[in-house]
PDB file of all heavy atoms in Angstrom:
ATOM      1  N   LEU A   1      -1.402  -5.322  22.165  1.00  0.00           N
ATOM      2  CA  LEU A   1      -2.234  -4.135  21.977  1.00  0.00           C
ATOM      3  C   LEU A   1      -3.676  -4.408  22.393  1.00  0.00           C
ATOM      4  O   LEU A   1      -4.319  -3.568  23.036  1.00  0.00           O
ATOM      5  CB  LEU A   1      -2.178  -3.684  20.520  1.00  0.00           C
ATOM      6  CG  LEU A   1      -0.847  -3.077  20.067  1.00  0.00           C
ATOM      7  CD1 LEU A   1      -0.793  -2.957  18.550  1.00  0.00           C
ATOM      8  CD2 LEU A   1      -0.631  -1.704  20.715  1.00  0.00           C
ATOM      9  N   ALA A   2      -4.199  -5.579  22.040  1.00  0.00           N
ATOM     10  CA  ALA A   2      -5.566  -5.929  22.415  1.00  0.00           C
ATOM     11  C   ALA A   2      -5.699  -6.054  23.927  1.00  0.00           C
ATOM     12  O   ALA A   2      -6.744  -5.703  24.496  1.00  0.00           O
ATOM     13  CB  ALA A   2      -5.978  -7.232  21.735  1.00  0.00           C
ATOM     14  N   ALA A   3      -4.647  -6.546  24.585  1.00  0.00           N
ATOM     15  CA  ALA A   3      -4.682  -6.673  26.040  1.00  0.00           C
ATOM     16  C   ALA A   3      -4.818  -5.309  26.714  1.00  0.00           C
ATOM     17  O   ALA A   3      -5.358  -5.201  27.819  1.00  0.00           O
ATOM     18  CB  ALA A   3      -3.424  -7.378  26.535  1.00  0.00           C
ATOM     19  N   ARG A   4      -4.345  -4.270  26.030  1.00  0.00           N
ATOM     20  CA  ARG A   4      -4.479  -2.900  26.546  1.00  0.00           C
ATOM     21  C   ARG A   4      -5.704  -2.197  25.968  1.00  0.00           C
ATOM     22  O   ARG A   4      -5.861  -1.012  26.108  1.00  0.00           O
ATOM     23  CB  ARG A   4      -3.209  -2.111  26.203  1.00  0.00           C
ATOM     24  CG  ARG A   4      -1.939  -2.686  26.815  1.00  0.00           C
ATOM     25  CD  ARG A   4      -0.734  -1.840  26.476  1.00  0.00           C
ATOM     26  NE  ARG A   4      -0.865  -0.501  27.016  1.00  0.00           N
ATOM     27  CZ  ARG A   4       0.027   0.478  26.809  1.00  0.00           C
ATOM     28  NH1 ARG A   4       1.101   0.222  26.066  1.00  0.00           N
ATOM     29  NH2 ARG A   4      -0.159   1.667  27.328  1.00  0.00           N
ATOM     30  N   ARG A   5      -6.557  -2.979  25.303  1.00  0.00           N
ATOM     31  CA  ARG A   5      -7.785  -2.480  24.690  1.00  0.00           C
ATOM     32  C   ARG A   5      -7.514  -1.429  23.604  1.00  0.00           C
ATOM     33  O   ARG A   5      -8.340  -0.555  23.365  1.00  0.00           O
ATOM     34  CB  ARG A   5      -8.725  -1.909  25.761  1.00  0.00           C
ATOM     35  CG  ARG A   5      -9.186  -2.946  26.769  1.00  0.00           C
ATOM     36  CD  ARG A   5     -10.207  -2.382  27.720  1.00  0.00           C
ATOM     37  NE  ARG A   5     -10.643  -3.405  28.677  1.00  0.00           N
ATOM     38  CZ  ARG A   5     -11.545  -3.194  29.628  1.00  0.00           C
ATOM     39  NH1 ARG A   5     -12.118  -2.002  29.729  1.00  0.00           N
ATOM     40  NH2 ARG A   5     -11.875  -4.168  30.455  1.00  0.00           N
ATOM     41  N   GLN A   6      -6.396  -1.562  22.967  1.00  0.00           N
ATOM     42  CA  GLN A   6      -6.063  -0.683  21.845  1.00  0.00           C
ATOM     43  C   GLN A   6      -6.455  -1.409  20.560  1.00  0.00           C
ATOM     44  O   GLN A   6      -5.629  -1.844  19.763  1.00  0.00           O
ATOM     45  CB  GLN A   6      -4.567  -0.326  21.882  1.00  0.00           C
ATOM     46  CG  GLN A   6      -4.186   0.483  23.118  1.00  0.00           C
ATOM     47  CD  GLN A   6      -2.701   0.742  23.226  1.00  0.00           C
ATOM     48  OE1 GLN A   6      -1.937   0.399  22.328  1.00  0.00           O
ATOM     49  NE2 GLN A   6      -2.280   1.334  24.328  1.00  0.00           N
ATOM     50  N   TRP A   7      -7.766  -1.540  20.383  1.00  0.00           N
ATOM     51  CA  TRP A   7      -8.307  -2.359  19.304  1.00  0.00           C
ATOM     52  C   TRP A   7      -7.942  -1.812  17.925  1.00  0.00           C
ATOM     53  O   TRP A   7      -7.607  -2.576  17.021  1.00  0.00           O
ATOM     54  CB  TRP A   7      -9.824  -2.442  19.439  1.00  0.00           C
ATOM     55  CG  TRP A   7     -10.298  -2.829  20.803  1.00  0.00           C
ATOM     56  CD1 TRP A   7     -11.029  -2.058  21.668  1.00  0.00           C
ATOM     57  CD2 TRP A   7     -10.053  -4.066  21.489  1.00  0.00           C
ATOM     58  NE1 TRP A   7     -11.267  -2.737  22.844  1.00  0.00           N
ATOM     59  CE2 TRP A   7     -10.686  -3.977  22.756  1.00  0.00           C
ATOM     60  CE3 TRP A   7      -9.376  -5.241  21.154  1.00  0.00           C
ATOM     61  CZ2 TRP A   7     -10.656  -4.998  23.685  1.00  0.00           C
ATOM     62  CZ3 TRP A   7      -9.346  -6.274  22.076  1.00  0.00           C
ATOM     63  CH2 TRP A   7      -9.973  -6.150  23.318  1.00  0.00           C
ATOM     64  N   ALA A   8      -8.034  -0.492  17.757  1.00  0.00           N
ATOM     65  CA  ALA A   8      -7.725   0.089  16.451  1.00  0.00           C
ATOM     66  C   ALA A   8      -6.270  -0.128  16.078  1.00  0.00           C
ATOM     67  O   ALA A   8      -5.941  -0.413  14.931  1.00  0.00           O
ATOM     68  CB  ALA A   8      -8.053   1.589  16.449  1.00  0.00           C
ATOM     69  N   SER A   9      -5.387  -0.015  17.072  1.00  0.00           N
ATOM     70  CA  SER A   9      -3.964  -0.223  16.799  1.00  0.00           C
ATOM     71  C   SER A   9      -3.672  -1.674  16.450  1.00  0.00           C
ATOM     72  O   SER A   9      -2.875  -1.967  15.554  1.00  0.00           O
ATOM     73  CB  SER A   9      -3.135   0.204  18.018  1.00  0.00           C
ATOM     74  OG  SER A   9      -3.261   1.582  18.258  1.00  0.00           O
ATOM     75  N   ALA A  10      -4.307  -2.589  17.179  1.00  0.00           N
ATOM     76  CA  ALA A  10      -4.124  -4.013  16.883  1.00  0.00           C
ATOM     77  C   ALA A  10      -4.607  -4.324  15.470  1.00  0.00           C
ATOM     78  O   ALA A  10      -3.954  -5.066  14.718  1.00  0.00           O
ATOM     79  CB  ALA A  10      -4.879  -4.860  17.904  1.00  0.00           C
ATOM     80  N   SER A  11      -5.745  -3.749  15.100  1.00  0.00           N
ATOM     81  CA  SER A  11      -6.275  -3.965  13.748  1.00  0.00           C
ATOM     82  C   SER A  11      -5.362  -3.356  12.694  1.00  0.00           C
ATOM     83  O   SER A  11      -5.165  -3.930  11.616  1.00  0.00           O
ATOM     84  CB  SER A  11      -7.669  -3.351  13.636  1.00  0.00           C
ATOM     85  OG  SER A  11      -8.560  -3.979  14.533  1.00  0.00           O
ATOM     86  N   LEU A  12      -4.798  -2.195  12.990  1.00  0.00           N
ATOM     87  CA  LEU A  12      -3.901  -1.526  12.045  1.00  0.00           C
ATOM     88  C   LEU A  12      -2.692  -2.411  11.735  1.00  0.00           C
ATOM     89  O   LEU A  12      -2.331  -2.609  10.570  1.00  0.00           O
ATOM     90  CB  LEU A  12      -3.453  -0.185  12.622  1.00  0.00           C
ATOM     91  CG  LEU A  12      -2.632   0.756  11.738  1.00  0.00           C
ATOM     92  CD1 LEU A  12      -2.787   2.204  12.210  1.00  0.00           C
ATOM     93  CD2 LEU A  12      -1.155   0.389  11.713  1.00  0.00           C
ATOM     94  N   VAL A  13      -2.075  -2.951  12.786  1.00  0.00           N
ATOM     95  CA  VAL A  13      -0.895  -3.802  12.601  1.00  0.00           C
ATOM     96  C   VAL A  13      -1.259  -5.052  11.801  1.00  0.00           C
ATOM     97  O   VAL A  13      -0.555  -5.435  10.857  1.00  0.00           O
ATOM     98  CB  VAL A  13      -0.288  -4.189  13.966  1.00  0.00           C
ATOM     99  CG1 VAL A  13       0.803  -5.245  13.795  1.00  0.00           C
ATOM    100  CG2 VAL A  13       0.282  -2.958  14.662  1.00  0.00           C
ATOM    101  N   GLY A  14      -2.366  -5.687  12.164  1.00  0.00           N
ATOM    102  CA  GLY A  14      -2.760  -6.916  11.480  1.00  0.00           C
ATOM    103  C   GLY A  14      -3.179  -6.697  10.041  1.00  0.00           C
ATOM    104  O   GLY A  14      -2.763  -7.443   9.143  1.00  0.00           O
ATOM    105  N   LEU A  15      -4.001  -5.675   9.818  1.00  0.00           N
ATOM    106  CA  LEU A  15      -4.474  -5.409   8.462  1.00  0.00           C
ATOM    107  C   LEU A  15      -3.325  -5.026   7.538  1.00  0.00           C
ATOM    108  O   LEU A  15      -3.272  -5.470   6.380  1.00  0.00           O
ATOM    109  CB  LEU A  15      -5.519  -4.290   8.490  1.00  0.00           C
ATOM    110  CG  LEU A  15      -6.121  -3.894   7.132  1.00  0.00           C
ATOM    111  CD1 LEU A  15      -6.808  -5.087   6.482  1.00  0.00           C
ATOM    112  CD2 LEU A  15      -7.112  -2.743   7.317  1.00  0.00           C
ATOM    113  N   THR A  16      -2.407  -4.218   8.037  1.00  0.00           N
ATOM    114  CA  THR A  16      -1.262  -3.815   7.215  1.00  0.00           C
ATOM    115  C   THR A  16      -0.440  -5.027   6.794  1.00  0.00           C
ATOM    116  O   THR A  16      -0.131  -5.208   5.612  1.00  0.00           O
ATOM    117  CB  THR A  16      -0.365  -2.825   7.973  1.00  0.00           C
ATOM    118  OG1 THR A  16      -1.116  -1.644   8.289  1.00  0.00           O
ATOM    119  CG2 THR A  16       0.845  -2.429   7.126  1.00  0.00           C
ATOM    120  N   TYR A  17      -0.106  -5.879   7.758  1.00  0.00           N
ATOM    121  CA  TYR A  17       0.769  -7.016   7.451  1.00  0.00           C
ATOM    122  C   TYR A  17       0.078  -8.069   6.587  1.00  0.00           C
ATOM    123  O   TYR A  17       0.596  -8.472   5.538  1.00  0.00           O
ATOM    124  CB  TYR A  17       1.293  -7.660   8.734  1.00  0.00           C
ATOM    125  CG  TYR A  17       2.266  -8.773   8.459  1.00  0.00           C
ATOM    126  CD1 TYR A  17       3.610  -8.495   8.239  1.00  0.00           C
ATOM    127  CD2 TYR A  17       1.838 -10.093   8.361  1.00  0.00           C
ATOM    128  CE1 TYR A  17       4.513  -9.515   7.950  1.00  0.00           C
ATOM    129  CE2 TYR A  17       2.729 -11.115   8.065  1.00  0.00           C
ATOM    130  CZ  TYR A  17       4.066 -10.816   7.853  1.00  0.00           C
ATOM    131  OH  TYR A  17       4.941 -11.826   7.548  1.00  0.00           O
ATOM    132  N   PHE A  18      -1.082  -8.526   7.019  1.00  0.00           N
ATOM    133  CA  PHE A  18      -1.722  -9.631   6.308  1.00  0.00           C
ATOM    134  C   PHE A  18      -2.337  -9.186   4.984  1.00  0.00           C
ATOM    135  O   PHE A  18      -2.361  -9.959   4.015  1.00  0.00           O
ATOM    136  CB  PHE A  18      -2.757 -10.295   7.216  1.00  0.00           C
ATOM    137  CG  PHE A  18      -2.142 -11.015   8.374  1.00  0.00           C
ATOM    138  CD1 PHE A  18      -2.275 -10.537   9.665  1.00  0.00           C
ATOM    139  CD2 PHE A  18      -1.382 -12.155   8.171  1.00  0.00           C
ATOM    140  CE1 PHE A  18      -1.684 -11.194  10.737  1.00  0.00           C
ATOM    141  CE2 PHE A  18      -0.777 -12.828   9.224  1.00  0.00           C
ATOM    142  CZ  PHE A  18      -0.930 -12.343  10.515  1.00  0.00           C
ATOM    143  N   GLY A  19      -2.812  -7.946   4.915  1.00  0.00           N
ATOM    144  CA  GLY A  19      -3.288  -7.429   3.636  1.00  0.00           C
ATOM    145  C   GLY A  19      -2.171  -7.348   2.617  1.00  0.00           C
ATOM    146  O   GLY A  19      -2.325  -7.738   1.450  1.00  0.00           O
ATOM    147  N   ALA A  20      -1.011  -6.864   3.067  1.00  0.00           N
ATOM    148  CA  ALA A  20       0.145  -6.748   2.175  1.00  0.00           C
ATOM    149  C   ALA A  20       0.648  -8.125   1.749  1.00  0.00           C
ATOM    150  O   ALA A  20       0.996  -8.346   0.584  1.00  0.00           O
ATOM    151  CB  ALA A  20       1.258  -5.963   2.863  1.00  0.00           C
ATOM    152  N   SER A  21       0.679  -9.057   2.687  1.00  0.00           N
ATOM    153  CA  SER A  21       1.166 -10.408   2.367  1.00  0.00           C
ATOM    154  C   SER A  21       0.277 -11.078   1.324  1.00  0.00           C
ATOM    155  O   SER A  21       0.777 -11.700   0.372  1.00  0.00           O
ATOM    156  CB  SER A  21       1.214 -11.259   3.641  1.00  0.00           C
ATOM    157  OG  SER A  21       2.130 -10.729   4.566  1.00  0.00           O
ATOM    158  N   LEU A  22      -1.035 -10.962   1.495  1.00  0.00           N
ATOM    159  CA  LEU A  22      -1.966 -11.578   0.543  1.00  0.00           C
ATOM    160  C   LEU A  22      -1.837 -10.930  -0.832  1.00  0.00           C
ATOM    161  O   LEU A  22      -1.835 -11.622  -1.865  1.00  0.00           O
ATOM    162  CB  LEU A  22      -3.396 -11.448   1.050  1.00  0.00           C
ATOM    163  CG  LEU A  22      -4.487 -11.986   0.119  1.00  0.00           C
ATOM    164  CD1 LEU A  22      -4.289 -13.467  -0.161  1.00  0.00           C
ATOM    165  CD2 LEU A  22      -5.871 -11.724   0.713  1.00  0.00           C
ATOM    166  N   THR A  23      -1.721  -9.609  -0.863  1.00  0.00           N
ATOM    167  CA  THR A  23      -1.591  -8.898  -2.138  1.00  0.00           C
ATOM    168  C   THR A  23      -0.327  -9.315  -2.877  1.00  0.00           C
ATOM    169  O   THR A  23      -0.350  -9.530  -4.105  1.00  0.00           O
ATOM    170  CB  THR A  23      -1.578  -7.373  -1.911  1.00  0.00           C
ATOM    171  OG1 THR A  23      -2.803  -6.991  -1.269  1.00  0.00           O
ATOM    172  CG2 THR A  23      -1.436  -6.621  -3.226  1.00  0.00           C
ATOM    173  N   THR A  24       0.760  -9.444  -2.155  1.00  0.00           N
ATOM    174  CA  THR A  24       2.015  -9.862  -2.781  1.00  0.00           C
ATOM    175  C   THR A  24       1.898 -11.275  -3.343  1.00  0.00           C
ATOM    176  O   THR A  24       2.381 -11.558  -4.452  1.00  0.00           O
ATOM    177  CB  THR A  24       3.168  -9.781  -1.763  1.00  0.00           C
ATOM    178  OG1 THR A  24       3.512  -8.404  -1.566  1.00  0.00           O
ATOM    179  CG2 THR A  24       4.404 -10.515  -2.258  1.00  0.00           C
ATOM    180  N   TRP A  25       1.257 -12.159  -2.611  1.00  0.00           N
ATOM    181  CA  TRP A  25       1.080 -13.528  -3.110  1.00  0.00           C
ATOM    182  C   TRP A  25       0.250 -13.528  -4.390  1.00  0.00           C
ATOM    183  O   TRP A  25       0.582 -14.242  -5.359  1.00  0.00           O
ATOM    184  CB  TRP A  25       0.400 -14.382  -2.040  1.00  0.00           C
ATOM    185  CG  TRP A  25       0.162 -15.789  -2.488  1.00  0.00           C
ATOM    186  CD1 TRP A  25       1.066 -16.824  -2.518  1.00  0.00           C
ATOM    187  CD2 TRP A  25      -1.069 -16.328  -2.989  1.00  0.00           C
ATOM    188  NE1 TRP A  25       0.479 -17.965  -3.007  1.00  0.00           N
ATOM    189  CE2 TRP A  25      -0.830 -17.694  -3.305  1.00  0.00           C
ATOM    190  CE3 TRP A  25      -2.336 -15.798  -3.192  1.00  0.00           C
ATOM    191  CZ2 TRP A  25      -1.822 -18.521  -3.817  1.00  0.00           C
ATOM    192  CZ3 TRP A  25      -3.332 -16.629  -3.708  1.00  0.00           C
ATOM    193  CH2 TRP A  25      -3.076 -17.971  -4.008  1.00  0.00           C
ATOM    194  N   LEU A  26      -0.811 -12.735  -4.421  1.00  0.00           N
ATOM    195  CA  LEU A  26      -1.646 -12.661  -5.619  1.00  0.00           C
ATOM    196  C   LEU A  26      -0.876 -12.087  -6.803  1.00  0.00           C
ATOM    197  O   LEU A  26      -0.997 -12.575  -7.935  1.00  0.00           O
ATOM    198  CB  LEU A  26      -2.884 -11.807  -5.328  1.00  0.00           C
ATOM    199  CG  LEU A  26      -3.904 -12.410  -4.349  1.00  0.00           C
ATOM    200  CD1 LEU A  26      -4.982 -11.393  -4.023  1.00  0.00           C
ATOM    201  CD2 LEU A  26      -4.516 -13.677  -4.917  1.00  0.00           C
ATOM    202  N   LEU A  27      -0.079 -11.053  -6.552  1.00  0.00           N
ATOM    203  CA  LEU A  27       0.710 -10.459  -7.633  1.00  0.00           C
ATOM    204  C   LEU A  27       1.770 -11.427  -8.152  1.00  0.00           C
ATOM    205  O   LEU A  27       2.023 -11.488  -9.354  1.00  0.00           O
ATOM    206  CB  LEU A  27       1.373  -9.165  -7.157  1.00  0.00           C
ATOM    207  CG  LEU A  27       0.506  -7.909  -7.188  1.00  0.00           C
ATOM    208  CD1 LEU A  27       1.242  -6.739  -6.528  1.00  0.00           C
ATOM    209  CD2 LEU A  27       0.135  -7.554  -8.626  1.00  0.00           C
ATOM    210  N   LYS A  28       2.406 -12.154  -7.251  1.00  0.00           N
ATOM    211  CA  LYS A  28       3.395 -13.144  -7.677  1.00  0.00           C
ATOM    212  C   LYS A  28       2.763 -14.137  -8.656  1.00  0.00           C
ATOM    213  O   LYS A  28       3.338 -14.460  -9.701  1.00  0.00           O
ATOM    214  CB  LYS A  28       3.948 -13.902  -6.459  1.00  0.00           C
ATOM    215  CG  LYS A  28       5.012 -13.174  -5.661  1.00  0.00           C
ATOM    216  CD  LYS A  28       5.395 -14.012  -4.446  1.00  0.00           C
ATOM    217  CE  LYS A  28       6.528 -13.393  -3.662  1.00  0.00           C
ATOM    218  NZ  LYS A  28       7.837 -13.553  -4.323  1.00  0.00           N
ATOM    219  N   THR A  29       1.579 -14.603  -8.292  1.00  0.00           N
ATOM    220  CA  THR A  29       0.885 -15.591  -9.121  1.00  0.00           C
ATOM    221  C   THR A  29       0.451 -14.982 -10.457  1.00  0.00           C
ATOM    222  O   THR A  29       0.565 -15.620 -11.512  1.00  0.00           O
ATOM    223  CB  THR A  29      -0.341 -16.128  -8.374  1.00  0.00           C
ATOM    224  OG1 THR A  29       0.072 -16.677  -7.118  1.00  0.00           O
ATOM    225  CG2 THR A  29      -1.039 -17.200  -9.194  1.00  0.00           C
ATOM    226  N   ALA A  30      -0.042 -13.737 -10.418  1.00  0.00           N
ATOM    227  CA  ALA A  30      -0.547 -13.101 -11.628  1.00  0.00           C
ATOM    228  C   ALA A  30       0.561 -12.725 -12.602  1.00  0.00           C
ATOM    229  O   ALA A  30       0.435 -12.916 -13.818  1.00  0.00           O
ATOM    230  CB  ALA A  30      -1.353 -11.855 -11.259  1.00  0.00           C
ATOM    231  N   VAL A  31       1.680 -12.200 -12.077  1.00  0.00           N
ATOM    232  CA  VAL A  31       2.764 -11.718 -12.943  1.00  0.00           C
ATOM    233  C   VAL A  31       3.679 -12.861 -13.372  1.00  0.00           C
ATOM    234  O   VAL A  31       4.100 -12.946 -14.531  1.00  0.00           O
ATOM    235  CB  VAL A  31       3.565 -10.614 -12.228  1.00  0.00           C
ATOM    236  CG1 VAL A  31       4.771 -10.189 -13.082  1.00  0.00           C
ATOM    237  CG2 VAL A  31       2.672  -9.408 -11.933  1.00  0.00           C
ATOM    238  N   GLY A  32       3.992 -13.772 -12.453  1.00  0.00           N
ATOM    239  CA  GLY A  32       4.816 -14.925 -12.792  1.00  0.00           C
ATOM    240  C   GLY A  32       6.210 -14.566 -13.272  1.00  0.00           C
ATOM    241  O   GLY A  32       6.722 -15.174 -14.223  1.00  0.00           O
ATOM    242  N   ARG A  33       6.846 -13.623 -12.625  1.00  0.00           N
ATOM    243  CA  ARG A  33       8.189 -13.193 -13.044  1.00  0.00           C
ATOM    244  C   ARG A  33       9.251 -14.165 -12.554  1.00  0.00           C
ATOM    245  O   ARG A  33       9.261 -14.593 -11.409  1.00  0.00           O
ATOM    246  CB  ARG A  33       8.482 -11.803 -12.485  1.00  0.00           C
ATOM    247  CG  ARG A  33       9.734 -11.158 -13.064  1.00  0.00           C
ATOM    248  CD  ARG A  33      10.039  -9.830 -12.385  1.00  0.00           C
ATOM    249  NE  ARG A  33      10.965  -9.031 -13.172  1.00  0.00           N
ATOM    250  CZ  ARG A  33      11.494  -7.882 -12.752  1.00  0.00           C
ATOM    251  NH1 ARG A  33      11.191  -7.412 -11.548  1.00  0.00           N
ATOM    252  NH2 ARG A  33      12.318  -7.210 -13.522  1.00  0.00           N
ATOM    253  N   GLU A  34      10.184 -14.495 -13.434  1.00  0.00           N
ATOM    254  CA  GLU A  34      11.269 -15.403 -13.087  1.00  0.00           C
ATOM    255  C   GLU A  34      12.280 -14.717 -12.159  1.00  0.00           C
ATOM    256  O   GLU A  34      12.475 -13.501 -12.209  1.00  0.00           O
ATOM    257  CB  GLU A  34      11.995 -15.884 -14.345  1.00  0.00           C
ATOM    258  CG  GLU A  34      11.132 -16.713 -15.280  1.00  0.00           C
ATOM    259  CD  GLU A  34      10.865 -18.106 -14.749  1.00  0.00           C
ATOM    260  OE1 GLU A  34      11.529 -18.504 -13.771  1.00  0.00           O
ATOM    261  OE2 GLU A  34       9.997 -18.789 -15.321  1.00  0.00           O
ATOM    262  N   ARG A  35      12.940 -15.525 -11.347  1.00  0.00           N
ATOM    263  CA  ARG A  35      14.002 -15.023 -10.477  1.00  0.00           C
ATOM    264  C   ARG A  35      15.227 -14.651 -11.317  1.00  0.00           C
ATOM    265  O   ARG A  35      15.433 -15.195 -12.408  1.00  0.00           O
ATOM    266  CB  ARG A  35      14.401 -16.086  -9.465  1.00  0.00           C
ATOM    267  CG  ARG A  35      13.278 -16.490  -8.523  1.00  0.00           C
ATOM    268  CD  ARG A  35      13.199 -15.590  -7.337  1.00  0.00           C
ATOM    269  NE  ARG A  35      12.105 -15.974  -6.440  1.00  0.00           N
ATOM    270  CZ  ARG A  35      11.956 -15.497  -5.204  1.00  0.00           C
ATOM    271  NH1 ARG A  35      12.834 -14.621  -4.735  1.00  0.00           N
ATOM    272  NH2 ARG A  35      10.943 -15.880  -4.459  1.00  0.00           N
ATOM    273  N   PRO A  36      16.055 -13.734 -10.811  1.00  0.00           N
ATOM    274  CA  PRO A  36      17.276 -13.388 -11.560  1.00  0.00           C
ATOM    275  C   PRO A  36      18.249 -14.562 -11.602  1.00  0.00           C
ATOM    276  O   PRO A  36      18.406 -15.290 -10.622  1.00  0.00           O
ATOM    277  CB  PRO A  36      17.855 -12.213 -10.754  1.00  0.00           C
ATOM    278  CG  PRO A  36      17.252 -12.323  -9.395  1.00  0.00           C
ATOM    279  CD  PRO A  36      15.894 -12.918  -9.600  1.00  0.00           C
ATOM    280  N   LEU A  37      18.896 -14.721 -12.724  1.00  0.00           N
ATOM    281  CA  LEU A  37      19.877 -15.798 -12.903  1.00  0.00           C
ATOM    282  C   LEU A  37      21.217 -15.248 -13.375  1.00  0.00           C
ATOM    283  O   LEU A  37      22.005 -15.967 -13.987  1.00  0.00           O
ATOM    284  CB  LEU A  37      19.348 -16.827 -13.912  1.00  0.00           C
ATOM    285  CG  LEU A  37      18.070 -17.564 -13.500  1.00  0.00           C
ATOM    286  CD1 LEU A  37      17.570 -18.437 -14.644  1.00  0.00           C
ATOM    287  CD2 LEU A  37      18.312 -18.405 -12.246  1.00  0.00           C
ATOM    288  N   LEU A  38      21.476 -13.972 -13.102  1.00  0.00           N
ATOM    289  CA  LEU A  38      22.733 -13.358 -13.537  1.00  0.00           C
ATOM    290  C   LEU A  38      23.926 -13.905 -12.771  1.00  0.00           C
ATOM    291  O   LEU A  38      25.014 -14.071 -13.315  1.00  0.00           O
ATOM    292  CB  LEU A  38      22.658 -11.838 -13.338  1.00  0.00           C
ATOM    293  CG  LEU A  38      21.539 -11.106 -14.082  1.00  0.00           C
ATOM    294  CD1 LEU A  38      21.586  -9.622 -13.748  1.00  0.00           C
ATOM    295  CD2 LEU A  38      21.666 -11.327 -15.579  1.00  0.00           C
ATOM    296  N   HIS A  39      23.721 -14.166 -11.488  1.00  0.00           N
ATOM    297  CA  HIS A  39      24.781 -14.672 -10.618  1.00  0.00           C
ATOM    298  C   HIS A  39      24.186 -15.777  -9.750  1.00  0.00           C
ATOM    299  O   HIS A  39      22.971 -15.858  -9.580  1.00  0.00           O
ATOM    300  CB  HIS A  39      25.355 -13.549  -9.743  1.00  0.00           C
ATOM    301  CG  HIS A  39      25.795 -12.355 -10.510  1.00  0.00           C
ATOM    302  ND1 HIS A  39      27.037 -12.262 -11.115  1.00  0.00           N
ATOM    303  CD2 HIS A  39      25.146 -11.198 -10.796  1.00  0.00           C
ATOM    304  CE1 HIS A  39      27.137 -11.093 -11.735  1.00  0.00           C
ATOM    305  NE2 HIS A  39      26.007 -10.425 -11.555  1.00  0.00           N
ATOM    306  N   ALA A  40      25.058 -16.603  -9.187  1.00  0.00           N
ATOM    307  CA  ALA A  40      24.587 -17.707  -8.349  1.00  0.00           C
ATOM    308  C   ALA A  40      23.838 -17.173  -7.135  1.00  0.00           C
ATOM    309  O   ALA A  40      24.281 -16.218  -6.488  1.00  0.00           O
ATOM    310  CB  ALA A  40      25.778 -18.547  -7.891  1.00  0.00           C
ATOM    311  N   MET A  41      22.679 -17.774  -6.843  1.00  0.00           N
ATOM    312  CA  MET A  41      21.909 -17.381  -5.667  1.00  0.00           C
ATOM    313  C   MET A  41      22.580 -17.898  -4.401  1.00  0.00           C
ATOM    314  O   MET A  41      23.153 -18.990  -4.385  1.00  0.00           O
ATOM    315  CB  MET A  41      20.489 -17.944  -5.753  1.00  0.00           C
ATOM    316  CG  MET A  41      19.644 -17.355  -6.864  1.00  0.00           C
ATOM    317  SD  MET A  41      17.947 -18.012  -6.800  1.00  0.00           S
ATOM    318  CE  MET A  41      17.231 -17.227  -8.241  1.00  0.00           C
ATOM    319  N   LEU A  42      22.490 -17.119  -3.346  1.00  0.00           N
ATOM    320  CA  LEU A  42      23.080 -17.497  -2.065  1.00  0.00           C
ATOM    321  C   LEU A  42      22.005 -17.920  -1.060  1.00  0.00           C
ATOM    322  O   LEU A  42      22.262 -17.974   0.134  1.00  0.00           O
ATOM    323  CB  LEU A  42      23.888 -16.336  -1.495  1.00  0.00           C
ATOM    324  CG  LEU A  42      25.068 -15.857  -2.360  1.00  0.00           C
ATOM    325  CD1 LEU A  42      25.773 -14.700  -1.684  1.00  0.00           C
ATOM    326  CD2 LEU A  42      26.031 -17.002  -2.632  1.00  0.00           C
ATOM    327  N   ALA A  43      20.810 -18.194  -1.547  1.00  0.00           N
ATOM    328  CA  ALA A  43      19.719 -18.640  -0.684  1.00  0.00           C
ATOM    329  C   ALA A  43      18.831 -19.590  -1.476  1.00  0.00           C
ATOM    330  O   ALA A  43      18.738 -19.484  -2.704  1.00  0.00           O
ATOM    331  CB  ALA A  43      18.907 -17.450  -0.179  1.00  0.00           C
ATOM    332  N   GLU A  44      18.208 -20.524  -0.784  1.00  0.00           N
ATOM    333  CA  GLU A  44      17.320 -21.479  -1.437  1.00  0.00           C
ATOM    334  C   GLU A  44      15.940 -20.848  -1.648  1.00  0.00           C
ATOM    335  O   GLU A  44      15.416 -20.160  -0.773  1.00  0.00           O
ATOM    336  CB  GLU A  44      17.189 -22.745  -0.589  1.00  0.00           C
ATOM    337  CG  GLU A  44      18.478 -23.546  -0.485  1.00  0.00           C
ATOM    338  CD  GLU A  44      18.278 -24.851   0.267  1.00  0.00           C
ATOM    339  OE1 GLU A  44      17.111 -25.143   0.625  1.00  0.00           O
ATOM    340  OE2 GLU A  44      19.265 -25.558   0.484  1.00  0.00           O
TER     341      GLU A  44
END
């Protein structure tokens, strides 16, 4: 997008993704909710 000088669009994509990622990390740390243990997990 930046190569096509679509600066606002490039910023939109980046701000949406990285803003959301940072917020989720902060919430994970603040809430500290345990993972479900009802059934065996199929992923590490």
